[in-house]
Amino acid sequence: MAIGRSTSFWPTTGTITRSRTHQHYTYVQRNALKVWEHRTDFKEELLADPDVTAALSAEEIEEKFDLGYHTKHVDTIFARVFGED
C-alpha cells in the first residue's frame, strides 16, 4: 500500500498527538500563505520546505497531487446523480 492513500495528508505509524497534527497544519498553512501572497505553486512550496520534506518524501508529496486518485469515482458519482444514459 502506498503512503498517501489515506485520508490524512501525513503518513502515520500510530496515534497522532494533537501537537503533531497542529505542527503539520502549521506547515501547510505557512505554505498556503506564501502561495496566496506571492502567487506561487503550492506543490513547489511544499517540496522546497525542509520541514515538509523531513516528514514526506518528494514522491509522497507528488502522490498528494495526483488528480486521477481524487477523481477516480467521478463517472460513478455522475451516473448516480444524473442516471445512466
Protein backbone atom coordinates (compact mmCIF):
# COMPACT_ATOMS: atom_id res chain seq x y z
CA MET A 1 0.00 0.00 0.00
CA ALA A 2 1.37 3.40 -0.95
CA ILE A 3 1.65 6.05 1.68
CA GLY A 4 -0.55 8.97 0.81
CA ARG A 5 -3.65 6.98 0.01
CA SER A 6 -5.13 7.59 3.42
CA THR A 7 -7.47 10.36 4.49
CA SER A 8 -4.58 12.23 6.08
CA PHE A 9 -2.04 14.38 4.28
CA TRP A 10 0.64 12.99 6.58
CA PRO A 11 1.54 9.31 6.90
CA THR A 12 1.21 7.89 10.37
CA THR A 13 2.64 4.97 12.23
CA GLY A 14 0.16 5.06 15.06
CA THR A 15 -1.75 7.59 17.08
CA ILE A 16 -1.13 11.18 16.10
CA THR A 17 -0.82 13.53 19.00
CA ARG A 18 -2.68 16.80 18.88
CA SER A 19 0.58 18.78 18.89
CA ARG A 20 1.99 16.82 15.93
CA THR A 21 -1.19 17.34 13.95
CA HIS A 22 -1.09 21.05 14.80
CA GLN A 23 2.53 21.25 13.64
CA HIS A 24 1.67 19.66 10.29
CA TYR A 25 -1.27 22.04 9.94
CA THR A 26 1.16 24.91 10.55
CA TYR A 27 3.43 23.68 7.73
CA VAL A 28 0.54 23.54 5.29
CA GLN A 29 -0.85 26.92 6.31
CA ARG A 30 2.57 28.57 6.13
CA ASN A 31 2.99 27.38 2.54
CA ALA A 32 -0.60 28.21 1.60
CA LEU A 33 0.01 31.78 2.77
CA LYS A 34 3.11 32.04 0.54
CA VAL A 35 1.00 30.90 -2.40
CA TRP A 36 -1.71 33.42 -1.60
CA GLU A 37 0.68 36.35 -1.14
CA HIS A 38 3.18 35.61 -3.92
CA ARG A 39 1.06 33.59 -6.41
CA THR A 40 3.49 30.70 -6.31
CA ASP A 41 2.80 26.99 -6.80
CA PHE A 42 1.64 25.15 -3.66
CA LYS A 43 3.29 21.85 -4.53
CA GLU A 44 6.58 23.60 -5.30
CA GLU A 45 6.42 25.42 -1.97
CA LEU A 46 5.86 22.14 -0.13
CA LEU A 47 8.74 20.48 -2.00
CA ALA A 48 11.02 23.38 -1.04
CA ASP A 49 10.04 23.40 2.63
CA PRO A 50 12.58 21.48 4.74
CA ASP A 51 10.01 20.82 7.48
CA VAL A 52 7.64 19.20 4.99
CA THR A 53 10.36 17.21 3.24
CA ALA A 54 11.58 15.95 6.60
CA ALA A 55 8.15 14.36 7.07
CA LEU A 56 7.31 13.39 3.47
CA SER A 57 9.46 12.36 0.54
CA ALA A 58 9.13 14.16 -2.78
CA GLU A 59 7.33 11.09 -4.12
CA GLU A 60 4.82 11.17 -1.26
CA ILE A 61 4.17 14.88 -1.86
CA GLU A 62 3.69 14.22 -5.58
CA GLU A 63 1.15 11.47 -4.74
CA LYS A 64 -0.98 14.02 -2.87
CA PHE A 65 -1.40 15.98 -6.09
CA ASP A 66 -2.47 13.02 -8.24
CA LEU A 67 -5.77 14.21 -9.72
CA GLY A 68 -6.52 10.73 -11.00
CA TYR A 69 -6.73 9.45 -7.45
CA HIS A 70 -9.08 12.24 -6.38
CA THR A 71 -11.34 11.97 -9.43
CA LYS A 72 -11.41 8.20 -9.96
CA HIS A 73 -15.08 7.89 -8.99
CA VAL A 74 -16.43 10.88 -10.93
CA ASP A 75 -18.17 8.72 -13.54
CA THR A 76 -19.84 6.63 -10.85
CA ILE A 77 -21.00 9.72 -8.97
CA PHE A 78 -22.37 11.35 -12.13
CA ALA A 79 -24.20 8.14 -13.03
CA ARG A 80 -25.82 8.02 -9.60
CA VAL A 81 -26.79 11.69 -9.66
CA PHE A 82 -27.89 12.03 -13.27
CA GLY A 83 -28.77 8.43 -14.09
CA GLU A 84 -27.30 6.07 -16.63
CA ASP A 85 -27.56 7.02 -20.32
